[in-house]
Amino acid sequence: MTRGFSVWSMMLLLVLVGHSSFASTWKRIKIPGAKCGNGSPYSVFVRDQDPSKLVIEFMGGGACWDQTTCLYRAWIYPVPMLKAFGALSDSDNPENPFIDHTNIYFPYCTGDVFAGDYIGNYKLYPVTHMGHTNVRLAIQYLAQTGIINFKAVNDLALVGSSAGAIGTLLHAKYIETFVHPNAKKTLIADSPGLHFGPRFWSQFSADAKTSFKKAFNDIGLKIDYDDGFVARRIKPVLNRLSNWKIGFLYGEKDQIMSEYFGLISKEDHKKLLLSEEGLVETCKSYPNTKMWLYDSDDHIFLLFQEKYSLKSMEGSTAIGFVKQVYGESH
């Protein structure tokens, strides 16, 4: 089970490791007080383009909660300068609807789906799970230093895949408070899971559960640690995001979020996703929310070209779906 996440995390880093020509277009901004899982200083990447348009991308990767999973499921070290962070932060991709936006990229190196605020004291070494704190510190620092003029932003987009998709849901309302009150807002959550098995939460430590409970309570999601079917409690979150245009992308039988992480079969993941309390049916009650479905066990669709060109059962590509959601907010 750990092998699936370690391979996926390493694949991300190997594909995205960049060249010096790319580095000149991005600035690495060290965030005071923020840390990666191994205790190293945490940085975000910024690319200046149109100051009135801002896209914030949360990197994906595996989650971890003990010594073994933090070594093999997740990346807990500083992320190197990257060539292209994904289809939606790539200024060389003509299909990117955010091609002219200023970018902030949040690397993922804490193994806590951007929800953590605790130290995991494991057998051989502590792991600093402060992904939630890192985001807040970074936004505050970028605003206070004027590196990003948030008040000039009238077009805000948050995008993320896997753990990064959870990050978009966790931090949208907080980031919204920094931009112009009438800014257009788009949220793209690619493969965020949320449809796990009954034993899902048993994997996490008491410290992790306490930290997660606080982070999710802040957005209205009341976690039941005896129930991994998180999506059935998502309505308060969507209610609070009623002024956003939201797009979810899912592989119906997502192998990572079912077998590797959710402790259920791929078929059971599909049943939960399509059930009456699953996110597909829930989204039908929210006119600002759309769903893109792919009948496969694929996980994440917006990081690699061969994936974002895949077509849903309704015939739209993943990148075309993003364009549709973003276009409707304008």
C-alpha atoms as a PDB file:
ATOM      1  CA  MET A   1       0.000   0.000   0.000  1.00  0.00           C
ATOM      2  CA  THR A   2       2.842   2.429   0.742  1.00  0.00           C
ATOM      3  CA  ARG A   3       4.478   1.699  -2.607  1.00  0.00           C
ATOM      4  CA  GLY A   4       1.675   3.360  -4.581  1.00  0.00           C
ATOM      5  CA  PHE A   5       2.140   6.698  -2.861  1.00  0.00           C
ATOM      6  CA  SER A   6       5.937   6.682  -2.904  1.00  0.00           C
ATOM      7  CA  VAL A   7       6.017   5.961  -6.630  1.00  0.00           C
ATOM      8  CA  TRP A   8       3.403   8.655  -7.314  1.00  0.00           C
ATOM      9  CA  SER A   9       5.234  11.281  -5.255  1.00  0.00           C
ATOM     10  CA  MET A  10       8.579  10.512  -6.859  1.00  0.00           C
ATOM     11  CA  MET A  11       7.015  10.541 -10.333  1.00  0.00           C
ATOM     12  CA  LEU A  12       5.749  14.063  -9.657  1.00  0.00           C
ATOM     13  CA  LEU A  13       9.173  15.278  -8.649  1.00  0.00           C
ATOM     14  CA  LEU A  14      11.038  13.561 -11.489  1.00  0.00           C
ATOM     15  CA  VAL A  15       8.658  14.884 -14.131  1.00  0.00           C
ATOM     16  CA  LEU A  16       8.560  18.390 -12.691  1.00  0.00           C
ATOM     17  CA  VAL A  17      12.238  18.985 -11.864  1.00  0.00           C
ATOM     18  CA  GLY A  18      13.175  21.984 -13.926  1.00  0.00           C
ATOM     19  CA  HIS A  19      15.801  23.607 -16.066  1.00  0.00           C
ATOM     20  CA  SER A  20      17.699  26.835 -15.415  1.00  0.00           C
ATOM     21  CA  SER A  21      15.790  28.628 -18.198  1.00  0.00           C
ATOM     22  CA  PHE A  22      12.553  28.014 -16.330  1.00  0.00           C
ATOM     23  CA  ALA A  23      13.964  29.187 -13.019  1.00  0.00           C
ATOM     24  CA  SER A  24      14.367  32.727 -14.316  1.00  0.00           C
ATOM     25  CA  THR A  25      10.583  33.143 -14.644  1.00  0.00           C
ATOM     26  CA  TRP A  26       9.794  32.105 -11.060  1.00  0.00           C
ATOM     27  CA  LYS A  27      10.937  33.498  -7.728  1.00  0.00           C
ATOM     28  CA  ARG A  28      11.469  31.276  -4.710  1.00  0.00           C
ATOM     29  CA  ILE A  29      10.100  33.094  -1.648  1.00  0.00           C
ATOM     30  CA  LYS A  30      11.222  31.784   1.731  1.00  0.00           C
ATOM     31  CA  ILE A  31       8.379  32.102   4.249  1.00  0.00           C
ATOM     32  CA  PRO A  32       9.539  33.086   7.767  1.00  0.00           C
ATOM     33  CA  GLY A  33       8.516  30.519  10.364  1.00  0.00           C
ATOM     34  CA  ALA A  34       7.193  28.000   7.814  1.00  0.00           C
ATOM     35  CA  LYS A  35       8.718  24.512   7.635  1.00  0.00           C
ATOM     36  CA  CYS A  36       8.720  21.323   5.591  1.00  0.00           C
ATOM     37  CA  GLY A  37       8.213  17.963   7.261  1.00  0.00           C
ATOM     38  CA  ASN A  38      11.933  17.435   7.937  1.00  0.00           C
ATOM     39  CA  GLY A  39      12.149  20.821   9.654  1.00  0.00           C
ATOM     40  CA  SER A  40      13.766  22.632   6.725  1.00  0.00           C
ATOM     41  CA  PRO A  41      12.594  26.153   5.802  1.00  0.00           C
ATOM     42  CA  TYR A  42       9.520  26.263   3.561  1.00  0.00           C
ATOM     43  CA  SER A  43       9.300  28.348   0.396  1.00  0.00           C
ATOM     44  CA  VAL A  44       6.637  29.138  -2.175  1.00  0.00           C
ATOM     45  CA  PHE A  45       7.179  30.026  -5.835  1.00  0.00           C
ATOM     46  CA  VAL A  46       5.831  33.208  -7.411  1.00  0.00           C
ATOM     47  CA  ARG A  47       5.632  34.274 -11.053  1.00  0.00           C
ATOM     48  CA  ASP A  48       4.611  37.851 -11.832  1.00  0.00           C
ATOM     49  CA  GLN A  49       2.171  38.392 -14.675  1.00  0.00           C
ATOM     50  CA  ASP A  50      -1.146  40.296 -14.745  1.00  0.00           C
ATOM     51  CA  PRO A  51      -1.490  41.679 -11.172  1.00  0.00           C
ATOM     52  CA  SER A  52      -5.284  41.764 -11.405  1.00  0.00           C
ATOM     53  CA  LYS A  53      -5.426  37.999 -12.009  1.00  0.00           C
ATOM     54  CA  LEU A  54      -4.081  35.446  -9.555  1.00  0.00           C
ATOM     55  CA  VAL A  55      -3.955  31.647  -9.694  1.00  0.00           C
ATOM     56  CA  ILE A  56      -2.791  29.727  -6.626  1.00  0.00           C
ATOM     57  CA  GLU A  57      -1.826  26.083  -7.104  1.00  0.00           C
ATOM     58  CA  PHE A  58      -1.482  23.566  -4.283  1.00  0.00           C
ATOM     59  CA  MET A  59       0.864  20.700  -5.102  1.00  0.00           C
ATOM     60  CA  GLY A  60      -0.352  17.127  -4.642  1.00  0.00           C
ATOM     61  CA  GLY A  61       1.350  14.135  -3.033  1.00  0.00           C
ATOM     62  CA  GLY A  62       0.879  11.412  -0.453  1.00  0.00           C
ATOM     63  CA  ALA A  63      -0.243  11.757   3.144  1.00  0.00           C
ATOM     64  CA  CYS A  64       1.644  10.278   6.104  1.00  0.00           C
ATOM     65  CA  TRP A  65       1.166   9.725   9.822  1.00  0.00           C
ATOM     66  CA  ASP A  66       4.064   7.576  11.101  1.00  0.00           C
ATOM     67  CA  GLN A  67       7.700   6.823  10.374  1.00  0.00           C
ATOM     68  CA  THR A  68       6.995   4.311   7.587  1.00  0.00           C
ATOM     69  CA  THR A  69       4.396   6.338   5.717  1.00  0.00           C
ATOM     70  CA  CYS A  70       6.428   9.544   5.998  1.00  0.00           C
ATOM     71  CA  LEU A  71       9.402   7.753   4.430  1.00  0.00           C
ATOM     72  CA  TYR A  72       7.500   5.985   1.658  1.00  0.00           C
ATOM     73  CA  ARG A  73       4.112   7.618   1.084  1.00  0.00           C
ATOM     74  CA  ALA A  74       4.885  11.297   1.172  1.00  0.00           C
ATOM     75  CA  TRP A  75       7.540  13.893   0.375  1.00  0.00           C
ATOM     76  CA  ILE A  76       8.697  15.751   3.505  1.00  0.00           C
ATOM     77  CA  TYR A  77      11.690  17.638   2.090  1.00  0.00           C
ATOM     78  CA  PRO A  78      12.044  21.014   0.334  1.00  0.00           C
ATOM     79  CA  VAL A  79      10.858  20.862  -3.260  1.00  0.00           C
ATOM     80  CA  PRO A  80      13.418  21.890  -5.920  1.00  0.00           C
ATOM     81  CA  MET A  81      12.794  24.527  -8.569  1.00  0.00           C
ATOM     82  CA  LEU A  82      10.375  23.005 -11.030  1.00  0.00           C
ATOM     83  CA  LYS A  83       9.986  23.132 -14.797  1.00  0.00           C
ATOM     84  CA  ALA A  84       6.198  23.195 -14.880  1.00  0.00           C
ATOM     85  CA  PHE A  85       3.954  22.824 -11.894  1.00  0.00           C
ATOM     86  CA  GLY A  86       0.999  21.476 -13.819  1.00  0.00           C
ATOM     87  CA  ALA A  87      -1.262  22.351 -16.720  1.00  0.00           C
ATOM     88  CA  LEU A  88      -2.812  25.267 -14.843  1.00  0.00           C
ATOM     89  CA  SER A  89       0.460  26.981 -13.881  1.00  0.00           C
ATOM     90  CA  ASP A  90       2.215  26.427 -17.211  1.00  0.00           C
ATOM     91  CA  SER A  91       2.562  29.645 -19.227  1.00  0.00           C
ATOM     92  CA  ASP A  92       3.768  27.631 -22.236  1.00  0.00           C
ATOM     93  CA  ASN A  93       0.545  25.631 -22.404  1.00  0.00           C
ATOM     94  CA  PRO A  94      -1.864  27.360 -24.846  1.00  0.00           C
ATOM     95  CA  GLU A  95      -4.794  25.428 -23.333  1.00  0.00           C
ATOM     96  CA  ASN A  96      -4.221  26.902 -19.882  1.00  0.00           C
ATOM     97  CA  PRO A  97      -7.113  29.300 -19.119  1.00  0.00           C
ATOM     98  CA  PHE A  98      -4.930  30.980 -16.471  1.00  0.00           C
ATOM     99  CA  ILE A  99      -2.001  31.543 -18.834  1.00  0.00           C
ATOM    100  CA  ASP A 100      -1.687  35.277 -18.117  1.00  0.00           C
ATOM    101  CA  HIS A 101      -2.340  35.117 -14.355  1.00  0.00           C
ATOM    102  CA  THR A 102       0.190  35.910 -11.664  1.00  0.00           C
ATOM    103  CA  ASN A 103       1.032  32.597  -9.968  1.00  0.00           C
ATOM    104  CA  ILE A 104       1.639  31.423  -6.436  1.00  0.00           C
ATOM    105  CA  TYR A 105       2.680  27.789  -6.140  1.00  0.00           C
ATOM    106  CA  PHE A 106       2.510  26.003  -2.772  1.00  0.00           C
ATOM    107  CA  PRO A 107       4.865  23.001  -2.677  1.00  0.00           C
ATOM    108  CA  TYR A 108       3.669  20.046  -0.630  1.00  0.00           C
ATOM    109  CA  CYS A 109       6.263  18.759   1.813  1.00  0.00           C
ATOM    110  CA  THR A 110       4.356  18.195   5.063  1.00  0.00           C
ATOM    111  CA  GLY A 111       2.333  15.018   4.422  1.00  0.00           C
ATOM    112  CA  ASP A 112      -0.838  16.472   5.944  1.00  0.00           C
ATOM    113  CA  VAL A 113      -3.044  17.575   2.981  1.00  0.00           C
ATOM    114  CA  PHE A 114      -2.381  21.225   3.933  1.00  0.00           C
ATOM    115  CA  ALA A 115      -4.363  20.635   7.151  1.00  0.00           C
ATOM    116  CA  GLY A 116      -1.634  20.085   9.746  1.00  0.00           C
ATOM    117  CA  ASP A 117      -0.467  22.106  12.718  1.00  0.00           C
ATOM    118  CA  TYR A 118       1.422  19.606  14.892  1.00  0.00           C
ATOM    119  CA  ILE A 119       4.693  17.718  15.330  1.00  0.00           C
ATOM    120  CA  GLY A 120       4.581  13.990  14.711  1.00  0.00           C
ATOM    121  CA  ASN A 121       6.971  12.409  17.228  1.00  0.00           C
ATOM    122  CA  TYR A 122       7.779   9.155  15.461  1.00  0.00           C
ATOM    123  CA  LYS A 123      10.319   6.447  16.340  1.00  0.00           C
ATOM    124  CA  LEU A 124      13.503   7.859  14.853  1.00  0.00           C
ATOM    125  CA  TYR A 125      12.707  11.481  14.130  1.00  0.00           C
ATOM    126  CA  PRO A 126       9.964  14.103  14.439  1.00  0.00           C
ATOM    127  CA  VAL A 127       8.013  15.220  11.365  1.00  0.00           C
ATOM    128  CA  THR A 128       6.740  18.787  11.210  1.00  0.00           C
ATOM    129  CA  HIS A 129       3.187  18.586   9.912  1.00  0.00           C
ATOM    130  CA  MET A 130       2.377  22.272   9.546  1.00  0.00           C
ATOM    131  CA  GLY A 131       0.879  22.475   6.058  1.00  0.00           C
ATOM    132  CA  HIS A 132      -2.125  24.467   7.265  1.00  0.00           C
ATOM    133  CA  THR A 133       0.067  26.921   9.168  1.00  0.00           C
ATOM    134  CA  ASN A 134       2.455  27.265   6.205  1.00  0.00           C
ATOM    135  CA  VAL A 135      -0.342  28.456   3.928  1.00  0.00           C
ATOM    136  CA  ARG A 136      -1.538  31.076   6.398  1.00  0.00           C
ATOM    137  CA  LEU A 137       2.009  32.309   7.069  1.00  0.00           C
ATOM    138  CA  ALA A 138       2.738  32.506   3.340  1.00  0.00           C
ATOM    139  CA  ILE A 139      -0.382  34.463   2.426  1.00  0.00           C
ATOM    140  CA  GLN A 140       0.223  36.887   5.283  1.00  0.00           C
ATOM    141  CA  TYR A 141       3.893  37.350   4.340  1.00  0.00           C
ATOM    142  CA  LEU A 142       3.186  37.863   0.635  1.00  0.00           C
ATOM    143  CA  ALA A 143       0.549  40.456   1.539  1.00  0.00           C
ATOM    144  CA  GLN A 144       2.611  42.296   4.176  1.00  0.00           C
ATOM    145  CA  THR A 145       5.713  42.535   1.988  1.00  0.00           C
ATOM    146  CA  GLY A 146       3.772  43.608  -1.096  1.00  0.00           C
ATOM    147  CA  ILE A 147       5.153  40.709  -3.116  1.00  0.00           C
ATOM    148  CA  ILE A 148       1.521  40.094  -4.060  1.00  0.00           C
ATOM    149  CA  ASN A 149      -0.894  43.034  -4.149  1.00  0.00           C
ATOM    150  CA  PHE A 150      -3.957  41.046  -3.182  1.00  0.00           C
ATOM    151  CA  LYS A 151      -6.232  44.093  -3.171  1.00  0.00           C
ATOM    152  CA  ALA A 152      -5.544  44.532  -6.904  1.00  0.00           C
ATOM    153  CA  VAL A 153      -6.809  41.015  -7.627  1.00  0.00           C
ATOM    154  CA  ASN A 154     -10.267  40.887  -9.208  1.00  0.00           C
ATOM    155  CA  ASP A 155      -9.871  37.389 -10.678  1.00  0.00           C
ATOM    156  CA  LEU A 156      -8.826  34.651  -8.212  1.00  0.00           C
ATOM    157  CA  ALA A 157      -8.415  30.950  -8.965  1.00  0.00           C
ATOM    158  CA  LEU A 158      -7.389  28.140  -6.601  1.00  0.00           C
ATOM    159  CA  VAL A 159      -6.352  24.854  -8.188  1.00  0.00           C
ATOM    160  CA  GLY A 160      -4.950  21.613  -6.811  1.00  0.00           C
ATOM    161  CA  SER A 161      -4.707  17.880  -7.398  1.00  0.00           C
ATOM    162  CA  SER A 162      -5.025  15.092  -4.816  1.00  0.00           C
ATOM    163  CA  ALA A 163      -3.783  16.504  -1.487  1.00  0.00           C
ATOM    164  CA  GLY A 164      -3.632  19.870  -3.226  1.00  0.00           C
ATOM    165  CA  ALA A 165      -7.322  19.598  -4.041  1.00  0.00           C
ATOM    166  CA  ILE A 166      -8.033  19.298  -0.321  1.00  0.00           C
ATOM    167  CA  GLY A 167      -5.869  22.387   0.124  1.00  0.00           C
ATOM    168  CA  THR A 168      -8.118  24.420  -2.165  1.00  0.00           C
ATOM    169  CA  LEU A 169     -11.186  23.554  -0.091  1.00  0.00           C
ATOM    170  CA  LEU A 170      -9.429  24.234   3.204  1.00  0.00           C
ATOM    171  CA  HIS A 171      -8.027  27.651   2.331  1.00  0.00           C
ATOM    172  CA  ALA A 172     -10.414  29.243  -0.190  1.00  0.00           C
ATOM    173  CA  LYS A 173     -12.440  31.277   2.296  1.00  0.00           C
ATOM    174  CA  TYR A 174      -9.328  32.526   4.101  1.00  0.00           C
ATOM    175  CA  ILE A 175      -7.564  33.603   0.898  1.00  0.00           C
ATOM    176  CA  GLU A 176     -10.780  35.230  -0.315  1.00  0.00           C
ATOM    177  CA  THR A 177     -10.528  37.771   2.515  1.00  0.00           C
ATOM    178  CA  PHE A 178      -7.317  39.206   1.027  1.00  0.00           C
ATOM    179  CA  VAL A 179      -8.616  40.027  -2.473  1.00  0.00           C
ATOM    180  CA  HIS A 180     -11.098  42.592  -3.748  1.00  0.00           C
ATOM    181  CA  PRO A 181     -14.576  41.846  -2.312  1.00  0.00           C
ATOM    182  CA  ASN A 182     -16.095  41.597  -5.791  1.00  0.00           C
ATOM    183  CA  ALA A 183     -13.337  39.432  -7.265  1.00  0.00           C
ATOM    184  CA  LYS A 184     -14.404  36.556  -9.499  1.00  0.00           C
ATOM    185  CA  LYS A 185     -13.503  33.299  -7.829  1.00  0.00           C
ATOM    186  CA  THR A 186     -12.838  29.851  -9.318  1.00  0.00           C
ATOM    187  CA  LEU A 187     -11.902  26.643  -7.496  1.00  0.00           C
ATOM    188  CA  ILE A 188     -10.692  23.506  -9.284  1.00  0.00           C
ATOM    189  CA  ALA A 189     -10.334  20.380  -7.129  1.00  0.00           C
ATOM    190  CA  ASP A 190      -8.793  17.477  -9.066  1.00  0.00           C
ATOM    191  CA  SER A 191      -9.221  14.059  -7.407  1.00  0.00           C
ATOM    192  CA  PRO A 192      -9.665  15.161  -3.781  1.00  0.00           C
ATOM    193  CA  GLY A 193     -10.822  11.755  -2.515  1.00  0.00           C
ATOM    194  CA  LEU A 194     -13.521  12.322   0.168  1.00  0.00           C
ATOM    195  CA  HIS A 195     -15.053   8.859  -0.436  1.00  0.00           C
ATOM    196  CA  PHE A 196     -13.084   6.563   1.865  1.00  0.00           C
ATOM    197  CA  GLY A 197     -13.803   3.384   3.776  1.00  0.00           C
ATOM    198  CA  PRO A 198     -14.929   3.020   7.419  1.00  0.00           C
ATOM    199  CA  ARG A 199     -11.361   2.248   8.586  1.00  0.00           C
ATOM    200  CA  PHE A 200      -9.825   5.292   6.874  1.00  0.00           C
ATOM    201  CA  TRP A 201      -9.347   7.483   9.950  1.00  0.00           C
ATOM    202  CA  SER A 202      -7.921   4.619  12.027  1.00  0.00           C
ATOM    203  CA  GLN A 203      -4.621   5.119  10.184  1.00  0.00           C
ATOM    204  CA  PHE A 204      -4.028   8.538  11.741  1.00  0.00           C
ATOM    205  CA  SER A 205      -2.552   9.426  15.121  1.00  0.00           C
ATOM    206  CA  ALA A 206      -4.470  11.253  17.840  1.00  0.00           C
ATOM    207  CA  ASP A 207      -2.407  14.403  17.169  1.00  0.00           C
ATOM    208  CA  ALA A 208      -3.260  14.258  13.474  1.00  0.00           C
ATOM    209  CA  LYS A 209      -6.967  13.860  14.207  1.00  0.00           C
ATOM    210  CA  THR A 210      -6.958  16.798  16.601  1.00  0.00           C
ATOM    211  CA  SER A 211      -5.223  19.000  14.048  1.00  0.00           C
ATOM    212  CA  PHE A 212      -7.456  17.894  11.179  1.00  0.00           C
ATOM    213  CA  LYS A 213     -10.599  18.417  13.240  1.00  0.00           C
ATOM    214  CA  LYS A 214      -9.669  22.046  13.856  1.00  0.00           C
ATOM    215  CA  ALA A 215      -8.785  22.729  10.210  1.00  0.00           C
ATOM    216  CA  PHE A 216     -11.940  21.147   8.834  1.00  0.00           C
ATOM    217  CA  ASN A 217     -14.194  22.632  11.519  1.00  0.00           C
ATOM    218  CA  ASP A 218     -13.007  26.049  10.352  1.00  0.00           C
ATOM    219  CA  ILE A 219     -14.650  25.442   6.957  1.00  0.00           C
ATOM    220  CA  GLY A 220     -17.790  23.829   8.348  1.00  0.00           C
ATOM    221  CA  LEU A 221     -16.869  20.192   7.779  1.00  0.00           C
ATOM    222  CA  LYS A 222     -17.611  18.196  10.925  1.00  0.00           C
ATOM    223  CA  ILE A 223     -15.494  15.057  10.726  1.00  0.00           C
ATOM    224  CA  ASP A 224     -16.761  11.772  12.149  1.00  0.00           C
ATOM    225  CA  TYR A 225     -13.680   9.657  12.839  1.00  0.00           C
ATOM    226  CA  ASP A 226     -15.795   6.500  12.660  1.00  0.00           C
ATOM    227  CA  ASP A 227     -16.805   7.268   9.075  1.00  0.00           C
ATOM    228  CA  GLY A 228     -14.454   7.771   6.113  1.00  0.00           C
ATOM    229  CA  PHE A 229     -17.269   8.855   3.802  1.00  0.00           C
ATOM    230  CA  VAL A 230     -16.303  12.522   4.145  1.00  0.00           C
ATOM    231  CA  ALA A 231     -18.318  13.678   1.130  1.00  0.00           C
ATOM    232  CA  ARG A 232     -21.606  13.114   2.930  1.00  0.00           C
ATOM    233  CA  ARG A 233     -20.643  16.051   5.201  1.00  0.00           C
ATOM    234  CA  ILE A 234     -19.509  18.444   2.480  1.00  0.00           C
ATOM    235  CA  LYS A 235     -22.675  20.547   2.167  1.00  0.00           C
ATOM    236  CA  PRO A 236     -21.706  23.182   4.776  1.00  0.00           C
ATOM    237  CA  VAL A 237     -18.432  23.677   2.897  1.00  0.00           C
ATOM    238  CA  LEU A 238     -20.210  24.168  -0.413  1.00  0.00           C
ATOM    239  CA  ASN A 239     -22.694  26.503   1.256  1.00  0.00           C
ATOM    240  CA  ARG A 240     -19.823  28.723   2.384  1.00  0.00           C
ATOM    241  CA  LEU A 241     -18.352  28.664  -1.131  1.00  0.00           C
ATOM    242  CA  SER A 242     -21.569  29.725  -2.850  1.00  0.00           C
ATOM    243  CA  ASN A 243     -19.801  32.775  -4.327  1.00  0.00           C
ATOM    244  CA  TRP A 244     -17.206  30.577  -6.062  1.00  0.00           C
ATOM    245  CA  LYS A 245     -17.433  28.631  -9.322  1.00  0.00           C
ATOM    246  CA  ILE A 246     -16.285  25.120  -8.413  1.00  0.00           C
ATOM    247  CA  GLY A 247     -15.195  22.187 -10.540  1.00  0.00           C
ATOM    248  CA  PHE A 248     -14.425  18.673  -9.271  1.00  0.00           C
ATOM    249  CA  LEU A 249     -12.631  16.041 -11.364  1.00  0.00           C
ATOM    250  CA  TYR A 250     -12.802  12.354 -10.455  1.00  0.00           C
ATOM    251  CA  GLY A 251     -11.788   8.958 -11.749  1.00  0.00           C
ATOM    252  CA  GLU A 252     -14.769   6.884 -10.672  1.00  0.00           C
ATOM    253  CA  LYS A 253     -12.600   3.983  -9.495  1.00  0.00           C
ATOM    254  CA  ASP A 254      -9.636   6.103  -8.363  1.00  0.00           C
ATOM    255  CA  GLN A 255      -7.042   3.532  -7.332  1.00  0.00           C
ATOM    256  CA  ILE A 256      -4.994   5.840  -5.104  1.00  0.00           C
ATOM    257  CA  MET A 257      -7.989   7.137  -3.152  1.00  0.00           C
ATOM    258  CA  SER A 258      -9.533   3.689  -2.810  1.00  0.00           C
ATOM    259  CA  GLU A 259      -7.044   0.817  -2.492  1.00  0.00           C
ATOM    260  CA  TYR A 260      -3.893   2.709  -1.531  1.00  0.00           C
ATOM    261  CA  PHE A 261      -5.398   5.294   0.797  1.00  0.00           C
ATOM    262  CA  GLY A 262      -9.112   4.809   1.446  1.00  0.00           C
ATOM    263  CA  LEU A 263      -8.889   1.128   2.470  1.00  0.00           C
ATOM    264  CA  ILE A 264     -11.710   0.099   0.117  1.00  0.00           C
ATOM    265  CA  SER A 265     -11.920  -1.467  -3.332  1.00  0.00           C
ATOM    266  CA  LYS A 266     -12.050   0.555  -6.529  1.00  0.00           C
ATOM    267  CA  GLU A 267     -15.630  -0.581  -7.114  1.00  0.00           C
ATOM    268  CA  ASP A 268     -16.643   0.504  -3.618  1.00  0.00           C
ATOM    269  CA  HIS A 269     -15.142   3.930  -4.300  1.00  0.00           C
ATOM    270  CA  LYS A 270     -17.313   4.223  -7.393  1.00  0.00           C
ATOM    271  CA  LYS A 271     -20.413   3.201  -5.434  1.00  0.00           C
ATOM    272  CA  LEU A 272     -19.772   5.853  -2.778  1.00  0.00           C
ATOM    273  CA  LEU A 273     -18.987   8.556  -5.335  1.00  0.00           C
ATOM    274  CA  LEU A 274     -22.218   7.880  -7.272  1.00  0.00           C
ATOM    275  CA  SER A 275     -24.400   7.192  -4.231  1.00  0.00           C
ATOM    276  CA  GLU A 276     -27.164   9.479  -3.027  1.00  0.00           C
ATOM    277  CA  GLU A 277     -24.811  11.053  -0.466  1.00  0.00           C
ATOM    278  CA  GLY A 278     -21.795  11.098  -2.785  1.00  0.00           C
ATOM    279  CA  LEU A 279     -20.349  14.252  -4.274  1.00  0.00           C
ATOM    280  CA  VAL A 280     -21.846  13.678  -7.724  1.00  0.00           C
ATOM    281  CA  GLU A 281     -25.439  13.840  -6.467  1.00  0.00           C
ATOM    282  CA  THR A 282     -24.641  16.557  -3.927  1.00  0.00           C
ATOM    283  CA  CYS A 283     -23.232  18.858  -6.603  1.00  0.00           C
ATOM    284  CA  LYS A 284     -26.511  18.713  -8.507  1.00  0.00           C
ATOM    285  CA  SER A 285     -28.038  20.864  -5.761  1.00  0.00           C
ATOM    286  CA  TYR A 286     -25.434  23.593  -6.229  1.00  0.00           C
ATOM    287  CA  PRO A 287     -25.670  25.556  -9.496  1.00  0.00           C
ATOM    288  CA  ASN A 288     -22.167  26.977  -8.965  1.00  0.00           C
ATOM    289  CA  THR A 289     -20.633  23.487  -8.817  1.00  0.00           C
ATOM    290  CA  LYS A 290     -19.822  21.088 -11.670  1.00  0.00           C
ATOM    291  CA  MET A 291     -18.468  17.557 -11.856  1.00  0.00           C
ATOM    292  CA  TRP A 292     -16.181  15.898 -14.433  1.00  0.00           C
ATOM    293  CA  LEU A 293     -16.129  12.083 -14.294  1.00  0.00           C
ATOM    294  CA  TYR A 294     -13.865   9.552 -15.996  1.00  0.00           C
ATOM    295  CA  ASP A 295     -14.786   5.870 -15.856  1.00  0.00           C
ATOM    296  CA  SER A 296     -11.387   4.491 -14.863  1.00  0.00           C
ATOM    297  CA  ASP A 297      -9.070   3.960 -11.914  1.00  0.00           C
ATOM    298  CA  ASP A 298      -6.997   7.035 -12.875  1.00  0.00           C
ATOM    299  CA  HIS A 299      -5.933   9.521 -10.223  1.00  0.00           C
ATOM    300  CA  ILE A 300      -5.260  13.218 -11.069  1.00  0.00           C
ATOM    301  CA  PHE A 301      -5.960  14.674 -14.509  1.00  0.00           C
ATOM    302  CA  LEU A 302      -4.446  18.161 -14.600  1.00  0.00           C
ATOM    303  CA  LEU A 303      -0.709  17.574 -14.173  1.00  0.00           C
ATOM    304  CA  PHE A 304       0.283  15.685 -17.316  1.00  0.00           C
ATOM    305  CA  GLN A 305      -0.676  16.379 -20.924  1.00  0.00           C
ATOM    306  CA  GLU A 306      -1.751  12.819 -21.668  1.00  0.00           C
ATOM    307  CA  LYS A 307      -4.177  13.042 -18.729  1.00  0.00           C
ATOM    308  CA  TYR A 308      -5.711  16.482 -19.247  1.00  0.00           C
ATOM    309  CA  SER A 309      -6.635  15.524 -22.813  1.00  0.00           C
ATOM    310  CA  LEU A 310      -8.744  12.578 -21.610  1.00  0.00           C
ATOM    311  CA  LYS A 311     -12.458  12.873 -22.299  1.00  0.00           C
ATOM    312  CA  SER A 312     -15.204  12.331 -19.762  1.00  0.00           C
ATOM    313  CA  MET A 313     -18.265  10.194 -20.457  1.00  0.00           C
ATOM    314  CA  GLU A 314     -19.980  13.394 -21.585  1.00  0.00           C
ATOM    315  CA  GLY A 315     -17.224  14.119 -24.084  1.00  0.00           C
ATOM    316  CA  SER A 316     -15.322  17.021 -22.505  1.00  0.00           C
ATOM    317  CA  THR A 317     -11.594  16.897 -21.858  1.00  0.00           C
ATOM    318  CA  ALA A 318     -10.292  17.579 -18.360  1.00  0.00           C
ATOM    319  CA  ILE A 319      -8.692  20.848 -19.469  1.00  0.00           C
ATOM    320  CA  GLY A 320     -11.823  21.765 -21.429  1.00  0.00           C
ATOM    321  CA  PHE A 321     -13.889  21.256 -18.284  1.00  0.00           C
ATOM    322  CA  VAL A 322     -11.640  23.669 -16.391  1.00  0.00           C
ATOM    323  CA  LYS A 323     -12.085  26.239 -19.151  1.00  0.00           C
ATOM    324  CA  GLN A 324     -15.852  25.823 -18.898  1.00  0.00           C
ATOM    325  CA  VAL A 325     -15.923  26.295 -15.118  1.00  0.00           C
ATOM    326  CA  TYR A 326     -13.598  29.290 -15.312  1.00  0.00           C
ATOM    327  CA  GLY A 327     -15.520  30.816 -18.203  1.00  0.00           C
ATOM    328  CA  GLU A 328     -18.778  30.673 -16.250  1.00  0.00           C
ATOM    329  CA  SER A 329     -17.287  32.851 -13.514  1.00  0.00           C
ATOM    330  CA  HIS A 330     -16.778  35.672 -16.000  1.00  0.00           C
END
